[in-house]
Protein backbone atom coordinates (compact mmCIF):
# COMPACT_ATOMS: atom_id res chain seq x y z
CA MET A 1 -44.20 -45.29 75.25
CA ILE A 2 -47.83 -43.92 75.12
CA ALA A 3 -47.41 -41.91 78.27
CA GLN A 4 -43.87 -40.31 76.46
CA GLN A 5 -45.36 -39.89 73.35
CA LEU A 6 -48.61 -37.76 75.75
CA GLU A 7 -45.91 -35.66 77.10
CA ASN A 8 -44.50 -34.63 74.49
CA VAL A 9 -47.56 -33.31 72.38
CA ILE A 10 -48.08 -31.50 76.06
CA ASN A 11 -45.07 -29.79 75.93
CA ASP A 12 -45.79 -28.86 72.11
CA GLY A 13 -49.05 -27.11 73.32
CA ILE A 14 -52.12 -29.73 72.92
CA ARG A 15 -54.43 -28.39 75.69
CA GLN A 16 -57.78 -29.97 74.56
CA ILE A 17 -59.51 -33.39 73.90
CA GLY A 18 -63.33 -33.58 73.28
CA GLN A 19 -65.16 -31.27 76.06
CA VAL A 20 -62.02 -31.75 78.16
CA ALA A 21 -59.35 -28.97 78.49
CA ILE A 22 -55.90 -29.91 79.42
CA LEU A 23 -54.23 -27.99 82.40
CA SER A 24 -50.92 -28.08 84.02
CA ASP A 25 -49.80 -26.79 87.50
CA VAL A 26 -53.03 -26.23 89.25
CA GLN A 27 -53.18 -26.50 93.20
CA GLY A 28 -49.70 -28.20 93.27
CA SER A 29 -50.40 -30.99 90.55
CA PRO A 30 -48.59 -30.77 87.22
CA PHE A 31 -51.61 -31.89 85.21
CA ALA A 32 -55.31 -30.96 86.16
CA LEU A 33 -58.46 -32.14 83.93
CA CYS A 34 -62.10 -30.11 83.75
CA HIS A 35 -64.87 -29.27 81.20
CA LEU A 36 -63.60 -27.15 78.58
CA ASP A 37 -66.38 -24.70 79.74
CA ASP A 38 -65.00 -24.34 83.08
CA ARG A 39 -61.15 -23.55 82.18
CA GLU A 40 -61.32 -20.04 83.02
CA SER A 41 -63.14 -21.06 86.69
CA HIS A 42 -61.23 -23.57 87.90
CA ASP A 43 -61.07 -22.40 91.08
CA SER A 44 -64.55 -23.28 92.37
CA LEU A 45 -64.95 -26.75 90.91
CA GLU A 46 -65.30 -30.29 92.91
CA VAL A 47 -61.76 -31.27 93.16
CA HIS A 48 -61.10 -34.81 92.73
CA ARG A 49 -57.42 -36.33 93.16
CA GLY A 50 -55.98 -39.47 90.82
CA PRO A 51 -57.56 -40.79 87.62
CA LEU A 52 -60.51 -42.76 88.80
CA PRO A 53 -63.14 -40.29 89.64
CA ALA A 54 -63.00 -39.69 85.57
CA ARG A 55 -64.70 -43.17 85.35
CA ASP A 56 -67.86 -41.60 87.15
CA ILE A 57 -67.48 -38.28 85.60
CA SER A 58 -67.78 -39.43 82.25
CA THR A 59 -70.22 -41.78 82.68
CA TRP A 60 -73.63 -39.79 83.66
CA ALA A 61 -74.59 -36.63 81.95
CA GLU A 62 -75.74 -33.54 83.87
CA ASP A 63 -79.32 -34.68 83.34
CA GLY A 64 -78.68 -38.13 84.57
CA HIS A 65 -78.66 -40.00 81.71
CA TYR A 66 -76.12 -42.95 80.73
CA ARG A 67 -74.06 -41.62 78.39
CA PHE A 68 -73.76 -44.73 76.08
CA THR A 69 -70.78 -43.25 74.09
CA LYS A 70 -68.02 -41.21 75.10
CA GLY A 71 -68.14 -39.06 72.11
CA GLU A 72 -71.72 -37.86 73.13
CA LEU A 73 -71.55 -34.30 73.92
CA SER A 74 -73.12 -34.18 77.25
CA LEU A 75 -70.44 -34.35 79.74
CA LYS A 76 -71.16 -32.49 83.18
CA GLN A 77 -69.43 -29.70 84.21
CA GLY A 78 -68.15 -28.72 87.81
CA TRP A 79 -65.36 -30.92 88.23
CA LEU A 80 -61.64 -30.80 88.51
CA LEU A 81 -59.12 -33.53 88.43
CA LEU A 82 -55.65 -33.21 90.01
CA LEU A 83 -53.46 -35.23 88.48
CA SER A 84 -49.65 -36.48 89.67
CA ASP A 85 -48.06 -37.20 86.35
CA ILE A 86 -47.93 -38.23 83.13
CA HIS A 87 -49.30 -41.64 83.50
CA GLU A 88 -52.27 -40.56 85.71
CA LEU A 89 -53.12 -37.88 83.04
CA ARG A 90 -52.95 -40.62 80.40
CA GLN A 91 -55.04 -43.10 82.57
CA ALA A 92 -57.53 -40.05 83.23
CA LEU A 93 -57.74 -39.34 79.30
CA ASP A 94 -58.59 -43.46 78.64
CA LEU A 95 -61.35 -43.41 81.40
CA LEU A 96 -63.09 -40.28 79.93
CA TYR A 97 -62.21 -40.96 76.14
CA PRO A 98 -61.28 -44.60 75.81
CA ALA A 99 -58.88 -45.13 73.22
CA SER A 100 -59.09 -42.13 72.08
CA LEU A 101 -55.33 -40.90 72.85
CA GLY A 102 -54.29 -44.30 71.16
CA LEU A 103 -56.56 -44.02 67.88
CA TRP A 104 -54.78 -40.56 67.51
CA LEU A 105 -51.43 -41.68 67.69
CA ALA A 106 -51.70 -44.66 65.47
CA GLU A 107 -53.06 -42.29 62.83
CA LYS A 108 -50.41 -39.78 63.17
CA SER A 109 -48.00 -42.99 62.70
CA ASP A 110 -50.46 -44.32 59.75
CA GLN A 111 -51.33 -47.43 61.33
CA LEU A 112 -54.60 -47.02 62.36
CA ASP A 113 -56.60 -49.75 60.67
CA VAL A 114 -60.13 -48.71 59.94
CA GLU A 115 -63.61 -50.60 59.36
CA ASN A 116 -65.57 -49.69 56.85
CA LEU A 117 -69.35 -49.53 57.08
CA ARG A 118 -70.53 -53.00 55.03
CA ASP A 119 -67.38 -54.89 56.41
CA LYS A 120 -68.94 -53.91 60.14
CA LEU A 121 -72.55 -54.77 58.82
CA ASN A 122 -71.71 -57.75 57.24
CA ARG A 123 -70.20 -59.09 60.58
CA GLN A 124 -73.35 -58.50 62.56
CA THR A 125 -75.25 -61.79 63.55
CA GLY A 126 -78.90 -62.82 65.42
CA MET A 127 -81.23 -59.82 65.30
CA TYR A 128 -78.76 -56.99 63.77
CA LYS A 129 -78.00 -59.24 60.73
CA PHE A 130 -81.11 -57.59 59.17
CA ALA A 131 -78.88 -54.24 59.29
CA ARG A 132 -76.79 -55.74 56.41
CA ASN A 133 -79.39 -55.01 53.91
CA ILE A 134 -79.94 -51.09 54.48
CA SER A 135 -79.30 -48.97 51.27
CA ASP A 136 -76.55 -46.93 50.21
CA ALA A 137 -79.20 -43.98 50.39
CA GLY A 138 -80.41 -45.03 53.51
CA ALA A 139 -76.66 -45.75 55.02
CA GLN A 140 -75.65 -42.07 53.81
CA LYS A 141 -79.15 -40.35 55.17
CA LEU A 142 -78.49 -42.01 58.90
CA VAL A 143 -74.97 -40.57 58.78
CA ARG A 144 -76.72 -37.08 58.41
CA GLU A 145 -79.21 -38.10 60.91
CA VAL A 146 -77.33 -39.86 63.65
CA CYS A 147 -73.60 -38.50 63.65
CA GLY A 148 -71.66 -35.22 63.93
CA PRO A 149 -72.30 -32.48 66.48
CA GLY A 150 -75.53 -31.45 65.20
CA ASN A 151 -76.59 -35.23 66.68
CA CYS A 152 -74.24 -34.90 69.55
CA CYS A 153 -71.19 -36.67 68.39
CA VAL A 154 -67.90 -34.88 68.12
CA LYS A 155 -66.00 -37.90 66.75
CA ARG A 156 -64.46 -37.60 62.86
CA ILE A 157 -65.42 -40.34 60.94
CA LEU A 158 -62.93 -42.07 59.40
CA TRP A 159 -64.52 -44.93 57.36
CA SER A 160 -66.83 -44.80 54.22
CA LEU A 161 -69.53 -47.10 53.34
CA ASP A 162 -67.25 -49.56 51.64
CA ALA A 163 -64.09 -49.25 49.57
CA ASN A 164 -65.37 -47.38 46.55
CA THR A 165 -68.32 -45.37 48.53
CA PRO A 166 -66.84 -42.37 50.47
CA LEU A 167 -69.61 -40.56 52.36
CA GLU A 168 -71.51 -37.19 51.32
CA ASP A 169 -70.45 -34.25 51.85
CA SER A 170 -72.41 -33.23 55.18
CA GLU A 171 -71.81 -31.59 58.87
CA ALA A 172 -71.14 -35.17 60.01
CA SER A 173 -68.45 -36.01 57.56
CA ARG A 174 -66.78 -32.58 57.44
CA HIS A 175 -66.18 -32.18 61.30
CA ASN A 176 -62.91 -32.90 62.21
CA GLY A 177 -63.25 -34.21 65.78
CA ILE A 178 -62.47 -30.97 67.52
CA LEU A 179 -64.74 -28.50 69.41
CA GLY A 180 -64.20 -24.82 68.48
CA ASP A 181 -61.37 -23.05 66.52
CA THR A 182 -58.14 -24.58 67.68
CA ASP A 183 -55.60 -26.93 66.07
CA LYS A 184 -54.35 -27.29 70.11
CA ALA A 185 -56.06 -30.42 70.68
CA ILE A 186 -56.47 -34.17 69.98
CA PRO A 187 -58.95 -34.85 67.79
CA LEU A 188 -61.78 -37.63 68.76
CA LEU A 189 -62.02 -40.36 65.78
CA CYS A 190 -64.27 -42.68 64.82
CA ARG A 191 -62.61 -45.82 63.23
CA GLU A 192 -65.78 -48.16 63.10
CA ALA A 193 -69.31 -47.48 63.15
CA CYS A 194 -70.53 -47.57 67.20
CA ASN A 195 -73.07 -50.07 68.28
CA HIS A 196 -76.03 -47.22 68.16
CA PHE A 197 -75.32 -46.24 64.55
CA VAL A 198 -75.72 -50.46 64.01
CA ALA A 199 -78.60 -50.13 65.92
CA GLU A 200 -80.43 -47.28 63.87
CA THR A 201 -78.88 -49.09 60.71
CA ARG A 202 -81.19 -52.22 61.48
CA LYS A 203 -84.46 -49.86 62.03
CA ALA A 204 -83.61 -47.98 58.83
CA SER A 205 -83.14 -51.09 56.95
CA LYS A 206 -86.17 -52.87 58.41
CA ALA A 207 -88.35 -49.82 57.38
CA GLU A 208 -87.25 -49.79 53.90
CA HIS A 209 -87.81 -53.52 53.66
CA GLU A 210 -91.40 -52.80 54.88
CA THR A 211 -91.70 -50.18 52.20
CA ALA A 212 -90.79 -51.73 49.40
CA ALA A 213 -92.96 -54.62 49.95
CA LYS A 214 -95.98 -52.38 50.38
């Protein structure tokens, strides 16, 4: 079903997700993927066939660091992924941007479950339990300092602090999950705060506590 929905949106002109360009009819393959910055010069790229190489491509950045979140704006260039059918295209996209296609389709059909920050923090245990004590002001500040393209994350934030407290206006809260000026793209969506954000919340909460104790 998802593969069929993907085929429909490709036929409607969708040609981008995150830092990846979606190409058609390349070197005899019905579909291909490459880095957005390589889409005009894909004849000189390192060619891979099938979806599985997408796992390694998405794991390590150009400088060798581990990409702990696939929404990070550090996808390396220089590759071309040739795919034989819509099912391979779907698998490759899921390896490059896990669950992003399904999240977008769920949002389009009003079936996406979003978890607000306080609900996420209240589930933390062990060393991360302290994260739940962060102030609203501290949490809003972290969104500005951790999220959004200015902090190397391309995802659109869907969550609020809680049911009654939206995120304050900022580059991070305004970002639509799409790079560049196009409406022919699958946006990357953030339905809950990532583990990196939770870890930063714990640090900020601890700093707030230490400041108050002084």
